[in-house]
């Protein structure tokens, strides 16, 4: 499943299919859980210049919106380990 997630995440999506693509990634997140999902697709928010035209794609910041709508519950330890260092 991890390999398939990587393939789907690297697809170049047209504007008309963006919502379907986000829903697909959201389904992966729901099924795999946040720990396994973010091991395959880690956020790289601090690794790229925020003024870059490709920041959203390079840093995978688009995953934040998917996470907000698709993630129902997760272990608080996961969030502390993933997001506290970003602060």
PDB file of N, CA and C in Angstrom:
ATOM      1  N   UNK A   1       0.824  -1.185   0.000  1.00  0.00           N
ATOM      2  CA  UNK A   1       0.000   0.000   0.000  1.00  0.00           C
ATOM      3  C   UNK A   1       0.874   1.256   0.000  1.00  0.00           C
ATOM      4  N   UNK A   2       2.021   1.192   0.668  1.00  0.00           N
ATOM      5  CA  UNK A   2       2.911   2.340   0.747  1.00  0.00           C
ATOM      6  C   UNK A   2       3.423   2.762  -0.621  1.00  0.00           C
ATOM      7  N   UNK A   3       3.762   1.768  -1.445  1.00  0.00           N
ATOM      8  CA  UNK A   3       4.264   2.078  -2.784  1.00  0.00           C
ATOM      9  C   UNK A   3       3.185   2.740  -3.631  1.00  0.00           C
ATOM     10  N   UNK A   4       1.970   2.251  -3.496  1.00  0.00           N
ATOM     11  CA  UNK A   4       0.857   2.832  -4.252  1.00  0.00           C
ATOM     12  C   UNK A   4       0.587   4.265  -3.796  1.00  0.00           C
ATOM     13  N   UNK A   5       0.683   4.524  -2.509  1.00  0.00           N
ATOM     14  CA  UNK A   5       0.514   5.886  -1.984  1.00  0.00           C
ATOM     15  C   UNK A   5       1.561   6.820  -2.578  1.00  0.00           C
ATOM     16  N   UNK A   6       2.794   6.380  -2.650  1.00  0.00           N
ATOM     17  CA  UNK A   6       3.851   7.199  -3.255  1.00  0.00           C
ATOM     18  C   UNK A   6       3.550   7.511  -4.716  1.00  0.00           C
ATOM     19  N   UNK A   7       3.095   6.520  -5.442  1.00  0.00           N
ATOM     20  CA  UNK A   7       2.763   6.728  -6.856  1.00  0.00           C
ATOM     21  C   UNK A   7       1.640   7.738  -7.003  1.00  0.00           C
ATOM     22  N   UNK A   8       0.579   7.577  -6.219  1.00  0.00           N
ATOM     23  CA  UNK A   8      -0.566   8.502  -6.289  1.00  0.00           C
ATOM     24  C   UNK A   8      -0.150   9.913  -5.897  1.00  0.00           C
ATOM     25  N   UNK A   9       0.700  10.044  -4.886  1.00  0.00           N
ATOM     26  CA  UNK A   9       1.100  11.376  -4.417  1.00  0.00           C
ATOM     27  C   UNK A   9       1.961  12.120  -5.431  1.00  0.00           C
ATOM     28  N   UNK A  10       2.644  11.392  -6.304  1.00  0.00           N
ATOM     29  CA  UNK A  10       3.529  12.018  -7.278  1.00  0.00           C
ATOM     30  C   UNK A  10       2.861  12.293  -8.621  1.00  0.00           C
ATOM     31  N   UNK A  11       1.600  11.957  -8.752  1.00  0.00           N
ATOM     32  CA  UNK A  11       0.886  12.228  -9.997  1.00  0.00           C
ATOM     33  C   UNK A  11       0.752  13.728 -10.221  1.00  0.00           C
ATOM     34  N   UNK A  12       0.877  14.138 -11.455  1.00  0.00           N
ATOM     35  CA  UNK A  12       0.638  15.535 -11.832  1.00  0.00           C
ATOM     36  C   UNK A  12      -0.847  15.652 -12.182  1.00  0.00           C
ATOM     37  N   UNK A  13      -1.569  16.389 -11.366  1.00  0.00           N
ATOM     38  CA  UNK A  13      -3.024  16.426 -11.463  1.00  0.00           C
ATOM     39  C   UNK A  13      -3.496  17.715 -12.127  1.00  0.00           C
ATOM     40  N   UNK A  14      -4.458  17.566 -13.047  1.00  0.00           N
ATOM     41  CA  UNK A  14      -5.115  18.734 -13.618  1.00  0.00           C
ATOM     42  C   UNK A  14      -6.050  19.340 -12.586  1.00  0.00           C
ATOM     43  N   UNK A  15      -6.354  20.600 -12.770  1.00  0.00           N
ATOM     44  CA  UNK A  15      -7.224  21.322 -11.846  1.00  0.00           C
ATOM     45  C   UNK A  15      -8.576  20.634 -11.653  1.00  0.00           C
ATOM     46  N   UNK A  16      -9.123  20.073 -12.712  1.00  0.00           N
ATOM     47  CA  UNK A  16     -10.457  19.460 -12.637  1.00  0.00           C
ATOM     48  C   UNK A  16     -10.483  18.176 -11.812  1.00  0.00           C
ATOM     49  N   UNK A  17      -9.319  17.534 -11.619  1.00  0.00           N
ATOM     50  CA  UNK A  17      -9.256  16.290 -10.855  1.00  0.00           C
ATOM     51  C   UNK A  17      -8.627  16.466  -9.480  1.00  0.00           C
ATOM     52  N   UNK A  18      -8.331  17.701  -9.099  1.00  0.00           N
ATOM     53  CA  UNK A  18      -7.634  17.941  -7.836  1.00  0.00           C
ATOM     54  C   UNK A  18      -8.426  17.450  -6.629  1.00  0.00           C
ATOM     55  N   UNK A  19      -9.725  17.692  -6.600  1.00  0.00           N
ATOM     56  CA  UNK A  19     -10.549  17.259  -5.462  1.00  0.00           C
ATOM     57  C   UNK A  19     -10.613  15.737  -5.357  1.00  0.00           C
ATOM     58  N   UNK A  20     -10.686  15.057  -6.480  1.00  0.00           N
ATOM     59  CA  UNK A  20     -10.697  13.593  -6.484  1.00  0.00           C
ATOM     60  C   UNK A  20      -9.358  13.075  -5.962  1.00  0.00           C
ATOM     61  N   UNK A  21      -8.268  13.701  -6.396  1.00  0.00           N
ATOM     62  CA  UNK A  21      -6.928  13.315  -5.951  1.00  0.00           C
ATOM     63  C   UNK A  21      -6.785  13.517  -4.440  1.00  0.00           C
ATOM     64  N   UNK A  22      -7.274  14.656  -3.932  1.00  0.00           N
ATOM     65  CA  UNK A  22      -7.234  14.904  -2.491  1.00  0.00           C
ATOM     66  C   UNK A  22      -8.077  13.882  -1.737  1.00  0.00           C
ATOM     67  N   UNK A  23      -9.237  13.537  -2.249  1.00  0.00           N
ATOM     68  CA  UNK A  23     -10.078  12.522  -1.607  1.00  0.00           C
ATOM     69  C   UNK A  23      -9.381  11.164  -1.586  1.00  0.00           C
ATOM     70  N   UNK A  24      -8.651  10.850  -2.634  1.00  0.00           N
ATOM     71  CA  UNK A  24      -7.907   9.591  -2.688  1.00  0.00           C
ATOM     72  C   UNK A  24      -6.816   9.565  -1.625  1.00  0.00           C
ATOM     73  N   UNK A  25      -6.061  10.659  -1.502  1.00  0.00           N
ATOM     74  CA  UNK A  25      -5.040  10.738  -0.459  1.00  0.00           C
ATOM     75  C   UNK A  25      -5.681  10.693   0.924  1.00  0.00           C
ATOM     76  N   UNK A  26      -6.840  11.317   1.068  1.00  0.00           N
ATOM     77  CA  UNK A  26      -7.567  11.270   2.330  1.00  0.00           C
ATOM     78  C   UNK A  26      -8.009   9.861   2.686  1.00  0.00           C
ATOM     79  N   UNK A  27      -8.381   9.080   1.685  1.00  0.00           N
ATOM     80  CA  UNK A  27      -8.752   7.683   1.927  1.00  0.00           C
ATOM     81  C   UNK A  27      -7.543   6.876   2.401  1.00  0.00           C
ATOM     82  N   UNK A  28      -6.389   7.139   1.802  1.00  0.00           N
ATOM     83  CA  UNK A  28      -5.157   6.499   2.273  1.00  0.00           C
ATOM     84  C   UNK A  28      -4.897   6.861   3.731  1.00  0.00           C
ATOM     85  N   UNK A  29      -5.056   8.127   4.064  1.00  0.00           N
ATOM     86  CA  UNK A  29      -4.821   8.592   5.430  1.00  0.00           C
ATOM     87  C   UNK A  29      -5.770   7.912   6.409  1.00  0.00           C
ATOM     88  N   UNK A  30      -7.029   7.806   6.039  1.00  0.00           N
ATOM     89  CA  UNK A  30      -8.013   7.158   6.912  1.00  0.00           C
ATOM     90  C   UNK A  30      -7.717   5.682   7.118  1.00  0.00           C
ATOM     91  N   UNK A  31      -7.333   5.007   6.053  1.00  0.00           N
ATOM     92  CA  UNK A  31      -7.089   3.565   6.129  1.00  0.00           C
ATOM     93  C   UNK A  31      -5.763   3.246   6.819  1.00  0.00           C
ATOM     94  N   UNK A  32      -4.720   3.971   6.450  1.00  0.00           N
ATOM     95  CA  UNK A  32      -3.385   3.676   6.976  1.00  0.00           C
ATOM     96  C   UNK A  32      -3.163   4.229   8.375  1.00  0.00           C
ATOM     97  N   UNK A  33      -3.863   5.284   8.713  1.00  0.00           N
ATOM     98  CA  UNK A  33      -3.608   5.972   9.970  1.00  0.00           C
ATOM     99  C   UNK A  33      -2.473   6.975   9.784  1.00  0.00           C
ATOM    100  N   UNK A  34      -2.429   7.980  10.629  1.00  0.00           N
ATOM    101  CA  UNK A  34      -1.448   9.055  10.424  1.00  0.00           C
ATOM    102  C   UNK A  34       0.004   8.611  10.580  1.00  0.00           C
ATOM    103  N   UNK A  35       0.270   7.671  11.463  1.00  0.00           N
ATOM    104  CA  UNK A  35       1.653   7.246  11.690  1.00  0.00           C
ATOM    105  C   UNK A  35       2.252   6.630  10.432  1.00  0.00           C
ATOM    106  N   UNK A  36       1.558   5.658   9.861  1.00  0.00           N
ATOM    107  CA  UNK A  36       2.055   4.989   8.653  1.00  0.00           C
ATOM    108  C   UNK A  36       2.031   5.921   7.455  1.00  0.00           C
ATOM    109  N   UNK A  37       0.979   6.736   7.339  1.00  0.00           N
ATOM    110  CA  UNK A  37       0.834   7.656   6.214  1.00  0.00           C
ATOM    111  C   UNK A  37       1.998   8.642   6.164  1.00  0.00           C
ATOM    112  N   UNK A  38       2.314   9.259   7.314  1.00  0.00           N
ATOM    113  CA  UNK A  38       3.362  10.273   7.326  1.00  0.00           C
ATOM    114  C   UNK A  38       4.770   9.686   7.365  1.00  0.00           C
ATOM    115  N   UNK A  39       4.896   8.387   7.581  1.00  0.00           N
ATOM    116  CA  UNK A  39       6.199   7.744   7.378  1.00  0.00           C
ATOM    117  C   UNK A  39       6.491   7.653   5.884  1.00  0.00           C
ATOM    118  N   UNK A  40       5.448   7.426   5.107  1.00  0.00           N
ATOM    119  CA  UNK A  40       5.604   7.341   3.652  1.00  0.00           C
ATOM    120  C   UNK A  40       5.701   8.736   3.030  1.00  0.00           C
ATOM    121  N   UNK A  41       4.853   9.654   3.476  1.00  0.00           N
ATOM    122  CA  UNK A  41       4.818  11.021   2.946  1.00  0.00           C
ATOM    123  C   UNK A  41       5.047  12.036   4.073  1.00  0.00           C
ATOM    124  N   UNK A  42       6.259  12.183   4.538  1.00  0.00           N
ATOM    125  CA  UNK A  42       6.490  13.134   5.629  1.00  0.00           C
ATOM    126  C   UNK A  42       6.315  14.581   5.163  1.00  0.00           C
ATOM    127  N   UNK A  43       5.821  15.400   6.059  1.00  0.00           N
ATOM    128  CA  UNK A  43       5.742  16.830   5.775  1.00  0.00           C
ATOM    129  C   UNK A  43       7.143  17.413   5.794  1.00  0.00           C
ATOM    130  N   UNK A  44       7.404  18.340   4.890  1.00  0.00           N
ATOM    131  CA  UNK A  44       8.714  18.979   4.793  1.00  0.00           C
ATOM    132  C   UNK A  44       8.537  20.499   4.822  1.00  0.00           C
ATOM    133  N   UNK A  45       7.744  20.969   5.760  1.00  0.00           N
ATOM    134  CA  UNK A  45       7.363  22.375   5.791  1.00  0.00           C
ATOM    135  C   UNK A  45       8.536  23.323   6.005  1.00  0.00           C
ATOM    136  N   UNK A  46       9.526  22.899   6.752  1.00  0.00           N
ATOM    137  CA  UNK A  46      10.663  23.778   7.058  1.00  0.00           C
ATOM    138  C   UNK A  46      11.833  23.568   6.105  1.00  0.00           C
ATOM    139  N   UNK A  47      11.700  22.664   5.159  1.00  0.00           N
ATOM    140  CA  UNK A  47      12.807  22.337   4.259  1.00  0.00           C
ATOM    141  C   UNK A  47      12.854  23.200   3.002  1.00  0.00           C
ATOM    142  N   UNK A  48      11.812  23.975   2.746  1.00  0.00           N
ATOM    143  CA  UNK A  48      11.726  24.751   1.509  1.00  0.00           C
ATOM    144  C   UNK A  48      11.345  26.191   1.822  1.00  0.00           C
ATOM    145  N   UNK A  49      11.726  27.080   0.929  1.00  0.00           N
ATOM    146  CA  UNK A  49      11.404  28.492   1.051  1.00  0.00           C
ATOM    147  C   UNK A  49       9.901  28.695   0.841  1.00  0.00           C
ATOM    148  N   UNK A  50       9.254  29.338   1.779  1.00  0.00           N
ATOM    149  CA  UNK A  50       7.803  29.542   1.697  1.00  0.00           C
ATOM    150  C   UNK A  50       7.411  30.464   0.545  1.00  0.00           C
ATOM    151  N   UNK A  51       8.345  31.240   0.017  1.00  0.00           N
ATOM    152  CA  UNK A  51       8.060  32.127  -1.105  1.00  0.00           C
ATOM    153  C   UNK A  51       8.230  31.442  -2.456  1.00  0.00           C
ATOM    154  N   UNK A  52       8.641  30.202  -2.432  1.00  0.00           N
ATOM    155  CA  UNK A  52       8.826  29.447  -3.666  1.00  0.00           C
ATOM    156  C   UNK A  52       7.472  29.180  -4.322  1.00  0.00           C
ATOM    157  N   UNK A  53       7.467  29.199  -5.633  1.00  0.00           N
ATOM    158  CA  UNK A  53       6.229  28.924  -6.366  1.00  0.00           C
ATOM    159  C   UNK A  53       5.794  27.468  -6.238  1.00  0.00           C
ATOM    160  N   UNK A  54       6.716  26.597  -5.885  1.00  0.00           N
ATOM    161  CA  UNK A  54       6.402  25.174  -5.763  1.00  0.00           C
ATOM    162  C   UNK A  54       6.403  24.712  -4.304  1.00  0.00           C
ATOM    163  N   UNK A  55       6.265  25.649  -3.372  1.00  0.00           N
ATOM    164  CA  UNK A  55       6.315  25.302  -1.951  1.00  0.00           C
ATOM    165  C   UNK A  55       5.280  24.247  -1.575  1.00  0.00           C
ATOM    166  N   UNK A  56       4.042  24.419  -1.995  1.00  0.00           N
ATOM    167  CA  UNK A  56       2.973  23.482  -1.608  1.00  0.00           C
ATOM    168  C   UNK A  56       3.294  22.068  -2.072  1.00  0.00           C
ATOM    169  N   UNK A  57       3.796  21.934  -3.275  1.00  0.00           N
ATOM    170  CA  UNK A  57       4.122  20.616  -3.800  1.00  0.00           C
ATOM    171  C   UNK A  57       5.374  20.055  -3.136  1.00  0.00           C
ATOM    172  N   UNK A  58       6.418  20.866  -3.039  1.00  0.00           N
ATOM    173  CA  UNK A  58       7.685  20.388  -2.482  1.00  0.00           C
ATOM    174  C   UNK A  58       7.577  20.038  -0.999  1.00  0.00           C
ATOM    175  N   UNK A  59       6.896  20.883  -0.245  1.00  0.00           N
ATOM    176  CA  UNK A  59       6.804  20.683   1.208  1.00  0.00           C
ATOM    177  C   UNK A  59       5.667  19.754   1.618  1.00  0.00           C
ATOM    178  N   UNK A  60       4.809  19.462   0.664  1.00  0.00           N
ATOM    179  CA  UNK A  60       3.606  18.653   0.910  1.00  0.00           C
ATOM    180  C   UNK A  60       2.646  19.330   1.883  1.00  0.00           C
ATOM    181  N   UNK A  61       2.614  20.640   1.864  1.00  0.00           N
ATOM    182  CA  UNK A  61       1.709  21.369   2.756  1.00  0.00           C
ATOM    183  C   UNK A  61       0.243  21.131   2.402  1.00  0.00           C
ATOM    184  N   UNK A  62      -0.035  20.675   1.188  1.00  0.00           N
ATOM    185  CA  UNK A  62      -1.408  20.339   0.801  1.00  0.00           C
ATOM    186  C   UNK A  62      -1.972  19.226   1.683  1.00  0.00           C
ATOM    187  N   UNK A  63      -1.095  18.456   2.327  1.00  0.00           N
ATOM    188  CA  UNK A  63      -1.557  17.381   3.209  1.00  0.00           C
ATOM    189  C   UNK A  63      -2.249  17.920   4.461  1.00  0.00           C
ATOM    190  N   UNK A  64      -1.954  19.155   4.825  1.00  0.00           N
ATOM    191  CA  UNK A  64      -2.595  19.745   6.007  1.00  0.00           C
ATOM    192  C   UNK A  64      -4.098  19.877   5.810  1.00  0.00           C
ATOM    193  N   UNK A  65      -4.528  20.281   4.623  1.00  0.00           N
ATOM    194  CA  UNK A  65      -5.970  20.397   4.375  1.00  0.00           C
ATOM    195  C   UNK A  65      -6.633  19.032   4.319  1.00  0.00           C
ATOM    196  N   UNK A  66      -5.921  18.056   3.779  1.00  0.00           N
ATOM    197  CA  UNK A  66      -6.450  16.688   3.740  1.00  0.00           C
ATOM    198  C   UNK A  66      -6.579  16.155   5.158  1.00  0.00           C
ATOM    199  N   UNK A  67      -5.562  16.421   5.947  1.00  0.00           N
ATOM    200  CA  UNK A  67      -5.554  15.953   7.330  1.00  0.00           C
ATOM    201  C   UNK A  67      -6.709  16.561   8.128  1.00  0.00           C
ATOM    202  N   UNK A  68      -6.967  17.821   7.898  1.00  0.00           N
ATOM    203  CA  UNK A  68      -8.024  18.513   8.626  1.00  0.00           C
ATOM    204  C   UNK A  68      -9.393  17.891   8.360  1.00  0.00           C
ATOM    205  N   UNK A  69      -9.639  17.500   7.126  1.00  0.00           N
ATOM    206  CA  UNK A  69     -10.969  16.993   6.796  1.00  0.00           C
ATOM    207  C   UNK A  69     -11.111  15.479   6.930  1.00  0.00           C
ATOM    208  N   UNK A  70     -10.031  14.726   6.830  1.00  0.00           N
ATOM    209  CA  UNK A  70     -10.127  13.271   6.794  1.00  0.00           C
ATOM    210  C   UNK A  70      -9.696  12.553   8.063  1.00  0.00           C
ATOM    211  N   UNK A  71      -8.934  13.217   8.893  1.00  0.00           N
ATOM    212  CA  UNK A  71      -8.411  12.548  10.077  1.00  0.00           C
ATOM    213  C   UNK A  71      -9.377  12.725  11.230  1.00  0.00           C
ATOM    214  N   UNK A  72      -9.889  11.627  11.724  1.00  0.00           N
ATOM    215  CA  UNK A  72     -10.876  11.697  12.791  1.00  0.00           C
ATOM    216  C   UNK A  72     -10.239  11.669  14.171  1.00  0.00           C
ATOM    217  N   UNK A  73      -9.345  10.739  14.396  1.00  0.00           N
ATOM    218  CA  UNK A  73      -8.668  10.705  15.680  1.00  0.00           C
ATOM    219  C   UNK A  73      -7.304  10.063  15.511  1.00  0.00           C
ATOM    220  N   UNK A  74      -6.397  10.498  16.333  1.00  0.00           N
ATOM    221  CA  UNK A  74      -5.043   9.947  16.295  1.00  0.00           C
ATOM    222  C   UNK A  74      -4.434  10.101  17.676  1.00  0.00           C
ATOM    223  N   UNK A  75      -3.398   9.379  17.885  1.00  0.00           N
ATOM    224  CA  UNK A  75      -2.687   9.420  19.150  1.00  0.00           C
ATOM    225  C   UNK A  75      -2.033  10.791  19.340  1.00  0.00           C
ATOM    226  N   UNK A  76      -2.206  11.380  20.506  1.00  0.00           N
ATOM    227  CA  UNK A  76      -1.645  12.695  20.794  1.00  0.00           C
ATOM    228  C   UNK A  76      -0.119  12.674  20.725  1.00  0.00           C
ATOM    229  N   UNK A  77       0.477  11.540  21.029  1.00  0.00           N
ATOM    230  CA  UNK A  77       1.936  11.414  20.958  1.00  0.00           C
ATOM    231  C   UNK A  77       2.415  11.641  19.523  1.00  0.00           C
ATOM    232  N   UNK A  78       1.657  11.130  18.561  1.00  0.00           N
ATOM    233  CA  UNK A  78       2.008  11.334  17.157  1.00  0.00           C
ATOM    234  C   UNK A  78       2.045  12.808  16.812  1.00  0.00           C
ATOM    235  N   UNK A  79       1.024  13.552  17.217  1.00  0.00           N
ATOM    236  CA  UNK A  79       0.961  14.961  16.905  1.00  0.00           C
ATOM    237  C   UNK A  79       2.071  15.747  17.606  1.00  0.00           C
ATOM    238  N   UNK A  80       2.389  15.395  18.809  1.00  0.00           N
ATOM    239  CA  UNK A  80       3.458  16.062  19.520  1.00  0.00           C
ATOM    240  C   UNK A  80       4.791  15.814  18.808  1.00  0.00           C
ATOM    241  N   UNK A  81       5.037  14.589  18.382  1.00  0.00           N
ATOM    242  CA  UNK A  81       6.288  14.265  17.700  1.00  0.00           C
ATOM    243  C   UNK A  81       6.369  14.905  16.322  1.00  0.00           C
ATOM    244  N   UNK A  82       5.250  14.968  15.603  1.00  0.00           N
ATOM    245  CA  UNK A  82       5.255  15.502  14.248  1.00  0.00           C
ATOM    246  C   UNK A  82       5.237  17.023  14.186  1.00  0.00           C
ATOM    247  N   UNK A  83       4.395  17.652  14.997  1.00  0.00           N
ATOM    248  CA  UNK A  83       4.123  19.068  14.797  1.00  0.00           C
ATOM    249  C   UNK A  83       4.752  19.996  15.824  1.00  0.00           C
ATOM    250  N   UNK A  84       5.063  19.535  16.997  1.00  0.00           N
ATOM    251  CA  UNK A  84       5.704  20.388  17.977  1.00  0.00           C
ATOM    252  C   UNK A  84       7.057  20.886  17.515  1.00  0.00           C
ATOM    253  N   UNK A  85       7.886  20.047  16.895  1.00  0.00           N
ATOM    254  CA  UNK A  85       9.168  20.560  16.390  1.00  0.00           C
ATOM    255  C   UNK A  85       9.013  21.666  15.327  1.00  0.00           C
ATOM    256  N   UNK A  86       7.894  21.670  14.607  1.00  0.00           N
ATOM    257  CA  UNK A  86       7.665  22.711  13.607  1.00  0.00           C
ATOM    258  C   UNK A  86       7.401  24.076  14.230  1.00  0.00           C
ATOM    259  N   UNK A  87       6.864  24.047  15.444  1.00  0.00           N
ATOM    260  CA  UNK A  87       6.560  25.302  16.112  1.00  0.00           C
ATOM    261  C   UNK A  87       7.829  25.953  16.594  1.00  0.00           C
TER     262      UNK A  87
END
